[in-house]
Amino acid sequence: MLYCYLGCTFLVKNKEVPHFFRFHVIMGMLLETGLQIIWCTSDFFPLIHSRGRLAMYYETAMAFAYICLLLECIRCALAGVYPQIPFVTDAASIHTRDTTKVKR
């Protein structure tokens, strides 16, 4: 998780880097963190942990969903638009928001 900290510190919070690039960097980090959480918590499911047929279907479905999400993010990045993935897009927007205070 060291690269997540370094990426957030030097890329995402750096206002000199374009917002579009910062947004997609944090989006990738959030998706990977979500995948790691699902991977670690899936070992607590009794039928998944037995490594039988149900485990194979579950892991295949999770991998397919993750690949589809990543391809959608890559497609949006190459097209120059922001992806609309619930919860993840909102979290990425919050992380890249400019928090400078304007004096009036």
PDB file of N, CA and C in Angstrom:
ATOM      1  N   MET A   1       0.818  -1.196   0.000  1.00  0.00           N
ATOM      2  CA  MET A   1       0.000   0.000   0.000  1.00  0.00           C
ATOM      3  C   MET A   1       0.863   1.262   0.000  1.00  0.00           C
ATOM      4  N   LEU A   2       2.163   1.081  -0.040  1.00  0.00           N
ATOM      5  CA  LEU A   2       3.055   2.228  -0.063  1.00  0.00           C
ATOM      6  C   LEU A   2       2.872   3.045  -1.333  1.00  0.00           C
ATOM      7  N   TYR A   3       2.683   2.385  -2.469  1.00  0.00           N
ATOM      8  CA  TYR A   3       2.512   3.127  -3.714  1.00  0.00           C
ATOM      9  C   TYR A   3       1.203   3.915  -3.722  1.00  0.00           C
ATOM     10  N   CYS A   4       0.182   3.450  -2.993  1.00  0.00           N
ATOM     11  CA  CYS A   4      -1.060   4.229  -2.881  1.00  0.00           C
ATOM     12  C   CYS A   4      -0.809   5.519  -2.117  1.00  0.00           C
ATOM     13  N   TYR A   5      -0.056   5.431  -1.036  1.00  0.00           N
ATOM     14  CA  TYR A   5       0.269   6.628  -0.269  1.00  0.00           C
ATOM     15  C   TYR A   5       1.108   7.586  -1.101  1.00  0.00           C
ATOM     16  N   LEU A   6       2.120   7.068  -1.767  1.00  0.00           N
ATOM     17  CA  LEU A   6       2.977   7.928  -2.585  1.00  0.00           C
ATOM     18  C   LEU A   6       2.209   8.518  -3.766  1.00  0.00           C
ATOM     19  N   GLY A   7       1.330   7.715  -4.374  1.00  0.00           N
ATOM     20  CA  GLY A   7       0.521   8.228  -5.478  1.00  0.00           C
ATOM     21  C   GLY A   7      -0.421   9.325  -5.039  1.00  0.00           C
ATOM     22  N   CYS A   8      -1.035   9.136  -3.886  1.00  0.00           N
ATOM     23  CA  CYS A   8      -1.935  10.179  -3.368  1.00  0.00           C
ATOM     24  C   CYS A   8      -1.156  11.430  -2.994  1.00  0.00           C
ATOM     25  N   THR A   9      -0.003  11.263  -2.392  1.00  0.00           N
ATOM     26  CA  THR A   9       0.767  12.410  -1.940  1.00  0.00           C
ATOM     27  C   THR A   9       1.348  13.208  -3.097  1.00  0.00           C
ATOM     28  N   PHE A  10       1.951  12.534  -4.054  1.00  0.00           N
ATOM     29  CA  PHE A  10       2.680  13.244  -5.101  1.00  0.00           C
ATOM     30  C   PHE A  10       1.879  13.475  -6.384  1.00  0.00           C
ATOM     31  N   LEU A  11       0.854  12.693  -6.643  1.00  0.00           N
ATOM     32  CA  LEU A  11       0.084  12.880  -7.879  1.00  0.00           C
ATOM     33  C   LEU A  11      -1.293  13.474  -7.628  1.00  0.00           C
ATOM     34  N   VAL A  12      -2.053  12.841  -6.768  1.00  0.00           N
ATOM     35  CA  VAL A  12      -3.451  13.227  -6.608  1.00  0.00           C
ATOM     36  C   VAL A  12      -3.586  14.574  -5.911  1.00  0.00           C
ATOM     37  N   LYS A  13      -2.788  14.821  -4.897  1.00  0.00           N
ATOM     38  CA  LYS A  13      -2.886  16.077  -4.152  1.00  0.00           C
ATOM     39  C   LYS A  13      -2.073  17.211  -4.770  1.00  0.00           C
ATOM     40  N   ASN A  14      -1.322  16.939  -5.810  1.00  0.00           N
ATOM     41  CA  ASN A  14      -0.527  17.950  -6.483  1.00  0.00           C
ATOM     42  C   ASN A  14      -1.409  18.729  -7.455  1.00  0.00           C
ATOM     43  N   LYS A  15      -1.598  20.004  -7.199  1.00  0.00           N
ATOM     44  CA  LYS A  15      -2.489  20.826  -8.021  1.00  0.00           C
ATOM     45  C   LYS A  15      -1.899  21.183  -9.379  1.00  0.00           C
ATOM     46  N   GLU A  16      -0.599  20.952  -9.571  1.00  0.00           N
ATOM     47  CA  GLU A  16       0.027  21.264 -10.850  1.00  0.00           C
ATOM     48  C   GLU A  16      -0.258  20.192 -11.905  1.00  0.00           C
ATOM     49  N   VAL A  17      -0.608  18.987 -11.457  1.00  0.00           N
ATOM     50  CA  VAL A  17      -0.956  17.899 -12.376  1.00  0.00           C
ATOM     51  C   VAL A  17      -2.397  18.127 -12.835  1.00  0.00           C
ATOM     52  N   PRO A  18      -2.705  17.907 -14.120  1.00  0.00           N
ATOM     53  CA  PRO A  18      -4.076  18.130 -14.594  1.00  0.00           C
ATOM     54  C   PRO A  18      -5.101  17.288 -13.830  1.00  0.00           C
ATOM     55  N   HIS A  19      -6.282  17.874 -13.642  1.00  0.00           N
ATOM     56  CA  HIS A  19      -7.344  17.223 -12.869  1.00  0.00           C
ATOM     57  C   HIS A  19      -7.746  15.888 -13.494  1.00  0.00           C
ATOM     58  N   PHE A  20      -7.801  15.833 -14.811  1.00  0.00           N
ATOM     59  CA  PHE A  20      -8.207  14.607 -15.497  1.00  0.00           C
ATOM     60  C   PHE A  20      -7.273  13.457 -15.165  1.00  0.00           C
ATOM     61  N   PHE A  21      -5.966  13.703 -15.160  1.00  0.00           N
ATOM     62  CA  PHE A  21      -4.982  12.672 -14.829  1.00  0.00           C
ATOM     63  C   PHE A  21      -5.091  12.266 -13.366  1.00  0.00           C
ATOM     64  N   ARG A  22      -5.219  13.250 -12.474  1.00  0.00           N
ATOM     65  CA  ARG A  22      -5.345  12.954 -11.048  1.00  0.00           C
ATOM     66  C   ARG A  22      -6.584  12.116 -10.770  1.00  0.00           C
ATOM     67  N   PHE A  23      -7.689  12.442 -11.448  1.00  0.00           N
ATOM     68  CA  PHE A  23      -8.938  11.711 -11.253  1.00  0.00           C
ATOM     69  C   PHE A  23      -8.792  10.248 -11.640  1.00  0.00           C
ATOM     70  N   HIS A  24      -8.184   9.978 -12.777  1.00  0.00           N
ATOM     71  CA  HIS A  24      -8.058   8.591 -13.234  1.00  0.00           C
ATOM     72  C   HIS A  24      -7.043   7.805 -12.411  1.00  0.00           C
ATOM     73  N   VAL A  25      -6.037   8.462 -11.877  1.00  0.00           N
ATOM     74  CA  VAL A  25      -5.083   7.771 -11.001  1.00  0.00           C
ATOM     75  C   VAL A  25      -5.784   7.320  -9.725  1.00  0.00           C
ATOM     76  N   ILE A  26      -6.540   8.201  -9.091  1.00  0.00           N
ATOM     77  CA  ILE A  26      -7.222   7.821  -7.858  1.00  0.00           C
ATOM     78  C   ILE A  26      -8.336   6.820  -8.142  1.00  0.00           C
ATOM     79  N   MET A  27      -8.955   6.896  -9.308  1.00  0.00           N
ATOM     80  CA  MET A  27      -9.988   5.917  -9.677  1.00  0.00           C
ATOM     81  C   MET A  27      -9.386   4.519  -9.764  1.00  0.00           C
ATOM     82  N   GLY A  28      -8.216   4.390 -10.374  1.00  0.00           N
ATOM     83  CA  GLY A  28      -7.544   3.090 -10.435  1.00  0.00           C
ATOM     84  C   GLY A  28      -7.147   2.575  -9.068  1.00  0.00           C
ATOM     85  N   MET A  29      -6.673   3.470  -8.208  1.00  0.00           N
ATOM     86  CA  MET A  29      -6.296   3.057  -6.857  1.00  0.00           C
ATOM     87  C   MET A  29      -7.507   2.602  -6.054  1.00  0.00           C
ATOM     88  N   LEU A  30      -8.623   3.298  -6.187  1.00  0.00           N
ATOM     89  CA  LEU A  30      -9.830   2.910  -5.468  1.00  0.00           C
ATOM     90  C   LEU A  30     -10.383   1.574  -5.962  1.00  0.00           C
ATOM     91  N   LEU A  31     -10.351   1.344  -7.266  1.00  0.00           N
ATOM     92  CA  LEU A  31     -10.822   0.067  -7.798  1.00  0.00           C
ATOM     93  C   LEU A  31      -9.933  -1.086  -7.343  1.00  0.00           C
ATOM     94  N   GLU A  32      -8.624  -0.856  -7.311  1.00  0.00           N
ATOM     95  CA  GLU A  32      -7.730  -1.923  -6.864  1.00  0.00           C
ATOM     96  C   GLU A  32      -7.903  -2.200  -5.373  1.00  0.00           C
ATOM     97  N   THR A  33      -8.104  -1.167  -4.584  1.00  0.00           N
ATOM     98  CA  THR A  33      -8.342  -1.365  -3.154  1.00  0.00           C
ATOM     99  C   THR A  33      -9.640  -2.128  -2.925  1.00  0.00           C
ATOM    100  N   GLY A  34     -10.664  -1.815  -3.702  1.00  0.00           N
ATOM    101  CA  GLY A  34     -11.924  -2.557  -3.609  1.00  0.00           C
ATOM    102  C   GLY A  34     -11.749  -4.021  -3.963  1.00  0.00           C
ATOM    103  N   LEU A  35     -10.949  -4.296  -4.995  1.00  0.00           N
ATOM    104  CA  LEU A  35     -10.679  -5.685  -5.370  1.00  0.00           C
ATOM    105  C   LEU A  35      -9.946  -6.422  -4.254  1.00  0.00           C
ATOM    106  N   GLN A  36      -8.990  -5.765  -3.617  1.00  0.00           N
ATOM    107  CA  GLN A  36      -8.258  -6.405  -2.522  1.00  0.00           C
ATOM    108  C   GLN A  36      -9.174  -6.686  -1.333  1.00  0.00           C
ATOM    109  N   ILE A  37     -10.116  -5.789  -1.062  1.00  0.00           N
ATOM    110  CA  ILE A  37     -11.060  -6.016   0.031  1.00  0.00           C
ATOM    111  C   ILE A  37     -11.955  -7.212  -0.277  1.00  0.00           C
ATOM    112  N   ILE A  38     -12.454  -7.299  -1.495  1.00  0.00           N
ATOM    113  CA  ILE A  38     -13.297  -8.440  -1.876  1.00  0.00           C
ATOM    114  C   ILE A  38     -12.494  -9.735  -1.824  1.00  0.00           C
ATOM    115  N   TRP A  39     -11.250  -9.693  -2.278  1.00  0.00           N
ATOM    116  CA  TRP A  39     -10.404 -10.884  -2.280  1.00  0.00           C
ATOM    117  C   TRP A  39     -10.144 -11.383  -0.860  1.00  0.00           C
ATOM    118  N   CYS A  40      -9.854 -10.464   0.057  1.00  0.00           N
ATOM    119  CA  CYS A  40      -9.565 -10.870   1.445  1.00  0.00           C
ATOM    120  C   CYS A  40     -10.814 -11.344   2.178  1.00  0.00           C
ATOM    121  N   THR A  41     -11.940 -10.683   1.961  1.00  0.00           N
ATOM    122  CA  THR A  41     -13.156 -11.068   2.673  1.00  0.00           C
ATOM    123  C   THR A  41     -13.818 -12.303   2.081  1.00  0.00           C
ATOM    124  N   SER A  42     -13.505 -12.655   0.862  1.00  0.00           N
ATOM    125  CA  SER A  42     -14.103 -13.838   0.251  1.00  0.00           C
ATOM    126  C   SER A  42     -13.626 -15.129   0.908  1.00  0.00           C
ATOM    127  N   ASP A  43     -12.482 -15.087   1.551  1.00  0.00           N
ATOM    128  CA  ASP A  43     -11.991 -16.281   2.238  1.00  0.00           C
ATOM    129  C   ASP A  43     -12.837 -16.635   3.453  1.00  0.00           C
ATOM    130  N   PHE A  44     -13.652 -15.712   3.919  1.00  0.00           N
ATOM    131  CA  PHE A  44     -14.506 -15.991   5.066  1.00  0.00           C
ATOM    132  C   PHE A  44     -15.813 -16.674   4.681  1.00  0.00           C
ATOM    133  N   PHE A  45     -16.112 -16.747   3.382  1.00  0.00           N
ATOM    134  CA  PHE A  45     -17.321 -17.447   2.930  1.00  0.00           C
ATOM    135  C   PHE A  45     -17.041 -18.946   2.939  1.00  0.00           C
ATOM    136  N   PRO A  46     -17.828 -19.755   3.647  1.00  0.00           N
ATOM    137  CA  PRO A  46     -17.505 -21.176   3.783  1.00  0.00           C
ATOM    138  C   PRO A  46     -17.519 -21.937   2.452  1.00  0.00           C
ATOM    139  N   LEU A  47     -18.491 -21.672   1.589  1.00  0.00           N
ATOM    140  CA  LEU A  47     -18.559 -22.418   0.330  1.00  0.00           C
ATOM    141  C   LEU A  47     -17.505 -21.946  -0.672  1.00  0.00           C
ATOM    142  N   ILE A  48     -17.099 -20.698  -0.581  1.00  0.00           N
ATOM    143  CA  ILE A  48     -16.071 -20.191  -1.476  1.00  0.00           C
ATOM    144  C   ILE A  48     -14.701 -20.699  -1.041  1.00  0.00           C
ATOM    145  N   HIS A  49     -14.508 -20.841   0.244  1.00  0.00           N
ATOM    146  CA  HIS A  49     -13.207 -21.235   0.768  1.00  0.00           C
ATOM    147  C   HIS A  49     -12.887 -22.699   0.472  1.00  0.00           C
ATOM    148  N   SER A  50     -13.885 -23.502   0.156  1.00  0.00           N
ATOM    149  CA  SER A  50     -13.635 -24.922  -0.082  1.00  0.00           C
ATOM    150  C   SER A  50     -12.990 -25.194  -1.436  1.00  0.00           C
ATOM    151  N   ARG A  51     -12.885 -24.193  -2.282  1.00  0.00           N
ATOM    152  CA  ARG A  51     -12.249 -24.299  -3.606  1.00  0.00           C
ATOM    153  C   ARG A  51     -12.932 -25.341  -4.495  1.00  0.00           C
ATOM    154  N   GLY A  52     -14.234 -25.362  -4.436  1.00  0.00           N
ATOM    155  CA  GLY A  52     -14.994 -26.262  -5.289  1.00  0.00           C
ATOM    156  C   GLY A  52     -15.497 -25.550  -6.531  1.00  0.00           C
ATOM    157  N   ARG A  53     -16.578 -26.057  -7.102  1.00  0.00           N
ATOM    158  CA  ARG A  53     -17.138 -25.489  -8.316  1.00  0.00           C
ATOM    159  C   ARG A  53     -17.722 -24.105  -8.061  1.00  0.00           C
ATOM    160  N   LEU A  54     -18.388 -23.916  -6.922  1.00  0.00           N
ATOM    161  CA  LEU A  54     -18.953 -22.611  -6.601  1.00  0.00           C
ATOM    162  C   LEU A  54     -17.858 -21.560  -6.465  1.00  0.00           C
ATOM    163  N   ALA A  55     -16.739 -21.936  -5.881  1.00  0.00           N
ATOM    164  CA  ALA A  55     -15.615 -21.008  -5.757  1.00  0.00           C
ATOM    165  C   ALA A  55     -15.081 -20.607  -7.130  1.00  0.00           C
ATOM    166  N   MET A  56     -15.031 -21.558  -8.039  1.00  0.00           N
ATOM    167  CA  MET A  56     -14.547 -21.263  -9.384  1.00  0.00           C
ATOM    168  C   MET A  56     -15.484 -20.281 -10.085  1.00  0.00           C
ATOM    169  N   TYR A  57     -16.808 -20.491  -9.964  1.00  0.00           N
ATOM    170  CA  TYR A  57     -17.768 -19.578 -10.579  1.00  0.00           C
ATOM    171  C   TYR A  57     -17.704 -18.192  -9.943  1.00  0.00           C
ATOM    172  N   TYR A  58     -17.572 -18.149  -8.625  1.00  0.00           N
ATOM    173  CA  TYR A  58     -17.508 -16.870  -7.916  1.00  0.00           C
ATOM    174  C   TYR A  58     -16.272 -16.076  -8.338  1.00  0.00           C
ATOM    175  N   GLU A  59     -15.111 -16.726  -8.349  1.00  0.00           N
ATOM    176  CA  GLU A  59     -13.888 -16.032  -8.710  1.00  0.00           C
ATOM    177  C   GLU A  59     -13.899 -15.609 -10.172  1.00  0.00           C
ATOM    178  N   THR A  60     -14.500 -16.403 -11.042  1.00  0.00           N
ATOM    179  CA  THR A  60     -14.622 -16.035 -12.445  1.00  0.00           C
ATOM    180  C   THR A  60     -15.527 -14.824 -12.610  1.00  0.00           C
ATOM    181  N   ALA A  61     -16.645 -14.788 -11.901  1.00  0.00           N
ATOM    182  CA  ALA A  61     -17.559 -13.652 -11.973  1.00  0.00           C
ATOM    183  C   ALA A  61     -16.914 -12.378 -11.441  1.00  0.00           C
ATOM    184  N   MET A  62     -16.177 -12.484 -10.341  1.00  0.00           N
ATOM    185  CA  MET A  62     -15.499 -11.311  -9.782  1.00  0.00           C
ATOM    186  C   MET A  62     -14.415 -10.804 -10.735  1.00  0.00           C
ATOM    187  N   ALA A  63     -13.657 -11.713 -11.325  1.00  0.00           N
ATOM    188  CA  ALA A  63     -12.615 -11.308 -12.267  1.00  0.00           C
ATOM    189  C   ALA A  63     -13.224 -10.654 -13.502  1.00  0.00           C
ATOM    190  N   PHE A  64     -14.318 -11.210 -14.014  1.00  0.00           N
ATOM    191  CA  PHE A  64     -14.976 -10.643 -15.188  1.00  0.00           C
ATOM    192  C   PHE A  64     -15.523  -9.249 -14.884  1.00  0.00           C
ATOM    193  N   ALA A  65     -16.139  -9.079 -13.715  1.00  0.00           N
ATOM    194  CA  ALA A  65     -16.671  -7.765 -13.334  1.00  0.00           C
ATOM    195  C   ALA A  65     -15.540  -6.748 -13.192  1.00  0.00           C
ATOM    196  N   TYR A  66     -14.429  -7.150 -12.601  1.00  0.00           N
ATOM    197  CA  TYR A  66     -13.301  -6.242 -12.423  1.00  0.00           C
ATOM    198  C   TYR A  66     -12.689  -5.855 -13.766  1.00  0.00           C
ATOM    199  N   ILE A  67     -12.547  -6.811 -14.665  1.00  0.00           N
ATOM    200  CA  ILE A  67     -12.002  -6.513 -15.991  1.00  0.00           C
ATOM    201  C   ILE A  67     -12.926  -5.573 -16.752  1.00  0.00           C
ATOM    202  N   CYS A  68     -14.237  -5.786 -16.646  1.00  0.00           N
ATOM    203  CA  CYS A  68     -15.188  -4.887 -17.321  1.00  0.00           C
ATOM    204  C   CYS A  68     -15.109  -3.471 -16.764  1.00  0.00           C
ATOM    205  N   LEU A  69     -14.957  -3.338 -15.446  1.00  0.00           N
ATOM    206  CA  LEU A  69     -14.806  -2.015 -14.847  1.00  0.00           C
ATOM    207  C   LEU A  69     -13.529  -1.332 -15.319  1.00  0.00           C
ATOM    208  N   LEU A  70     -12.441  -2.066 -15.363  1.00  0.00           N
ATOM    209  CA  LEU A  70     -11.190  -1.478 -15.821  1.00  0.00           C
ATOM    210  C   LEU A  70     -11.246  -1.081 -17.290  1.00  0.00           C
ATOM    211  N   LEU A  71     -11.877  -1.902 -18.118  1.00  0.00           N
ATOM    212  CA  LEU A  71     -12.009  -1.551 -19.534  1.00  0.00           C
ATOM    213  C   LEU A  71     -12.884  -0.319 -19.723  1.00  0.00           C
ATOM    214  N   GLU A  72     -13.922  -0.178 -18.894  1.00  0.00           N
ATOM    215  CA  GLU A  72     -14.759   1.021 -18.953  1.00  0.00           C
ATOM    216  C   GLU A  72     -13.956   2.259 -18.564  1.00  0.00           C
ATOM    217  N   CYS A  73     -13.128   2.138 -17.537  1.00  0.00           N
ATOM    218  CA  CYS A  73     -12.292   3.269 -17.122  1.00  0.00           C
ATOM    219  C   CYS A  73     -11.267   3.626 -18.203  1.00  0.00           C
ATOM    220  N   ILE A  74     -10.675   2.626 -18.829  1.00  0.00           N
ATOM    221  CA  ILE A  74      -9.716   2.884 -19.904  1.00  0.00           C
ATOM    222  C   ILE A  74     -10.405   3.525 -21.092  1.00  0.00           C
ATOM    223  N   ARG A  75     -11.603   3.040 -21.438  1.00  0.00           N
ATOM    224  CA  ARG A  75     -12.356   3.614 -22.550  1.00  0.00           C
ATOM    225  C   ARG A  75     -12.685   5.075 -22.292  1.00  0.00           C
ATOM    226  N   CYS A  76     -13.117   5.373 -21.075  1.00  0.00           N
ATOM    227  CA  CYS A  76     -13.458   6.750 -20.734  1.00  0.00           C
ATOM    228  C   CYS A  76     -12.221   7.642 -20.721  1.00  0.00           C
ATOM    229  N   ALA A  77     -11.095   7.122 -20.248  1.00  0.00           N
ATOM    230  CA  ALA A  77      -9.867   7.916 -20.231  1.00  0.00           C
ATOM    231  C   ALA A  77      -9.399   8.229 -21.646  1.00  0.00           C
ATOM    232  N   LEU A  78      -9.484   7.254 -22.538  1.00  0.00           N
ATOM    233  CA  LEU A  78      -9.067   7.494 -23.921  1.00  0.00           C
ATOM    234  C   LEU A  78     -10.048   8.400 -24.663  1.00  0.00           C
ATOM    235  N   ALA A  79     -11.318   8.354 -24.289  1.00  0.00           N
ATOM    236  CA  ALA A  79     -12.325   9.214 -24.933  1.00  0.00           C
ATOM    237  C   ALA A  79     -12.316  10.623 -24.354  1.00  0.00           C
ATOM    238  N   GLY A  80     -11.681  10.804 -23.191  1.00  0.00           N
ATOM    239  CA  GLY A  80     -11.604  12.127 -22.594  1.00  0.00           C
ATOM    240  C   GLY A  80     -12.803  12.491 -21.744  1.00  0.00           C
ATOM    241  N   VAL A  81     -13.523  11.493 -21.243  1.00  0.00           N
ATOM    242  CA  VAL A  81     -14.681  11.747 -20.385  1.00  0.00           C
ATOM    243  C   VAL A  81     -14.457  11.077 -19.034  1.00  0.00           C
ATOM    244  N   TYR A  82     -15.305  11.433 -18.074  1.00  0.00           N
ATOM    245  CA  TYR A  82     -15.224  10.836 -16.746  1.00  0.00           C
ATOM    246  C   TYR A  82     -16.174   9.641 -16.669  1.00  0.00           C
ATOM    247  N   PRO A  83     -15.718   8.503 -16.140  1.00  0.00           N
ATOM    248  CA  PRO A  83     -16.607   7.338 -16.031  1.00  0.00           C
ATOM    249  C   PRO A  83     -17.687   7.570 -14.977  1.00  0.00           C
ATOM    250  N   GLN A  84     -18.812   6.903 -15.139  1.00  0.00           N
ATOM    251  CA  GLN A  84     -19.934   7.030 -14.201  1.00  0.00           C
ATOM    252  C   GLN A  84     -20.151   5.697 -13.489  1.00  0.00           C
ATOM    253  N   ILE A  85     -19.265   5.376 -12.559  1.00  0.00           N
ATOM    254  CA  ILE A  85     -19.365   4.160 -11.749  1.00  0.00           C
ATOM    255  C   ILE A  85     -19.858   4.587 -10.373  1.00  0.00           C
ATOM    256  N   PRO A  86     -20.990   4.066  -9.915  1.00  0.00           N
ATOM    257  CA  PRO A  86     -21.525   4.515  -8.624  1.00  0.00           C
ATOM    258  C   PRO A  86     -20.520   4.320  -7.490  1.00  0.00           C
ATOM    259  N   PHE A  87     -20.514   5.239  -6.560  1.00  0.00           N
ATOM    260  CA  PHE A  87     -19.673   5.270  -5.365  1.00  0.00           C
ATOM    261  C   PHE A  87     -18.205   5.527  -5.685  1.00  0.00           C
ATOM    262  N   VAL A  88     -17.640   4.874  -6.666  1.00  0.00           N
ATOM    263  CA  VAL A  88     -16.215   5.036  -6.961  1.00  0.00           C
ATOM    264  C   VAL A  88     -15.954   6.395  -7.600  1.00  0.00           C
ATOM    265  N   THR A  89     -16.818   6.809  -8.521  1.00  0.00           N
ATOM    266  CA  THR A  89     -16.663   8.108  -9.165  1.00  0.00           C
ATOM    267  C   THR A  89     -16.816   9.233  -8.146  1.00  0.00           C
ATOM    268  N   ASP A  90     -17.773   9.092  -7.250  1.00  0.00           N
ATOM    269  CA  ASP A  90     -17.961  10.117  -6.212  1.00  0.00           C
ATOM    270  C   ASP A  90     -16.747  10.202  -5.296  1.00  0.00           C
ATOM    271  N   ALA A  91     -16.223   9.056  -4.899  1.00  0.00           N
ATOM    272  CA  ALA A  91     -15.044   9.046  -4.022  1.00  0.00           C
ATOM    273  C   ALA A  91     -13.829   9.645  -4.729  1.00  0.00           C
ATOM    274  N   ALA A  92     -13.646   9.330  -6.009  1.00  0.00           N
ATOM    275  CA  ALA A  92     -12.520   9.886  -6.758  1.00  0.00           C
ATOM    276  C   ALA A  92     -12.677  11.400  -6.918  1.00  0.00           C
ATOM    277  N   SER A  93     -13.892  11.870  -7.102  1.00  0.00           N
ATOM    278  CA  SER A  93     -14.122  13.312  -7.213  1.00  0.00           C
ATOM    279  C   SER A  93     -13.810  14.024  -5.906  1.00  0.00           C
ATOM    280  N   ILE A  94     -14.174  13.404  -4.794  1.00  0.00           N
ATOM    281  CA  ILE A  94     -13.895  14.010  -3.497  1.00  0.00           C
ATOM    282  C   ILE A  94     -12.396  14.089  -3.249  1.00  0.00           C
ATOM    283  N   HIS A  95     -11.649  13.060  -3.649  1.00  0.00           N
ATOM    284  CA  HIS A  95     -10.199  13.056  -3.426  1.00  0.00           C
ATOM    285  C   HIS A  95      -9.484  14.093  -4.277  1.00  0.00           C
ATOM    286  N   THR A  96      -9.989  14.395  -5.465  1.00  0.00           N
ATOM    287  CA  THR A  96      -9.290  15.307  -6.368  1.00  0.00           C
ATOM    288  C   THR A  96      -9.856  16.718  -6.330  1.00  0.00           C
ATOM    289  N   ARG A  97     -10.810  16.973  -5.463  1.00  0.00           N
ATOM    290  CA  ARG A  97     -11.418  18.291  -5.394  1.00  0.00           C
ATOM    291  C   ARG A  97     -10.412  19.296  -4.856  1.00  0.00           C
ATOM    292  N   ASP A  98     -10.457  20.498  -5.417  1.00  0.00           N
ATOM    293  CA  ASP A  98      -9.613  21.574  -4.916  1.00  0.00           C
ATOM    294  C   ASP A  98     -10.189  22.093  -3.624  1.00  0.00           C
ATOM    295  N   THR A  99      -9.397  22.084  -2.578  1.00  0.00           N
ATOM    296  CA  THR A  99      -9.880  22.490  -1.264  1.00  0.00           C
ATOM    297  C   THR A  99      -9.323  23.834  -0.834  1.00  0.00           C
ATOM    298  N   THR A 100      -8.916  24.652  -1.802  1.00  0.00           N
ATOM    299  CA  THR A 100      -8.389  25.960  -1.445  1.00  0.00           C
ATOM    300  C   THR A 100      -9.525  26.878  -1.054  1.00  0.00           C
ATOM    301  N   LYS A 101      -9.310  27.641  -0.020  1.00  0.00           N
ATOM    302  CA  LYS A 101     -10.319  28.574   0.462  1.00  0.00           C
ATOM    303  C   LYS A 101     -10.160  29.910  -0.254  1.00  0.00           C
ATOM    304  N   VAL A 102     -11.264  30.459  -0.646  1.00  0.00           N
ATOM    305  CA  VAL A 102     -11.271  31.761  -1.312  1.00  0.00           C
ATOM    306  C   VAL A 102     -11.703  32.809  -0.308  1.00  0.00           C
ATOM    307  N   LYS A 103     -10.875  33.844  -0.125  1.00  0.00           N
ATOM    308  CA  LYS A 103     -11.236  34.929   0.777  1.00  0.00           C
ATOM    309  C   LYS A 103     -12.136  35.912   0.068  1.00  0.00           C
ATOM    310  N   ARG A 104     -13.174  36.314   0.769  1.00  0.00           N
ATOM    311  CA  ARG A 104     -14.101  37.277   0.157  1.00  0.00           C
ATOM    312  C   ARG A 104     -14.098  38.551   0.942  1.00  0.00           C
TER     313      ARG A 104
END
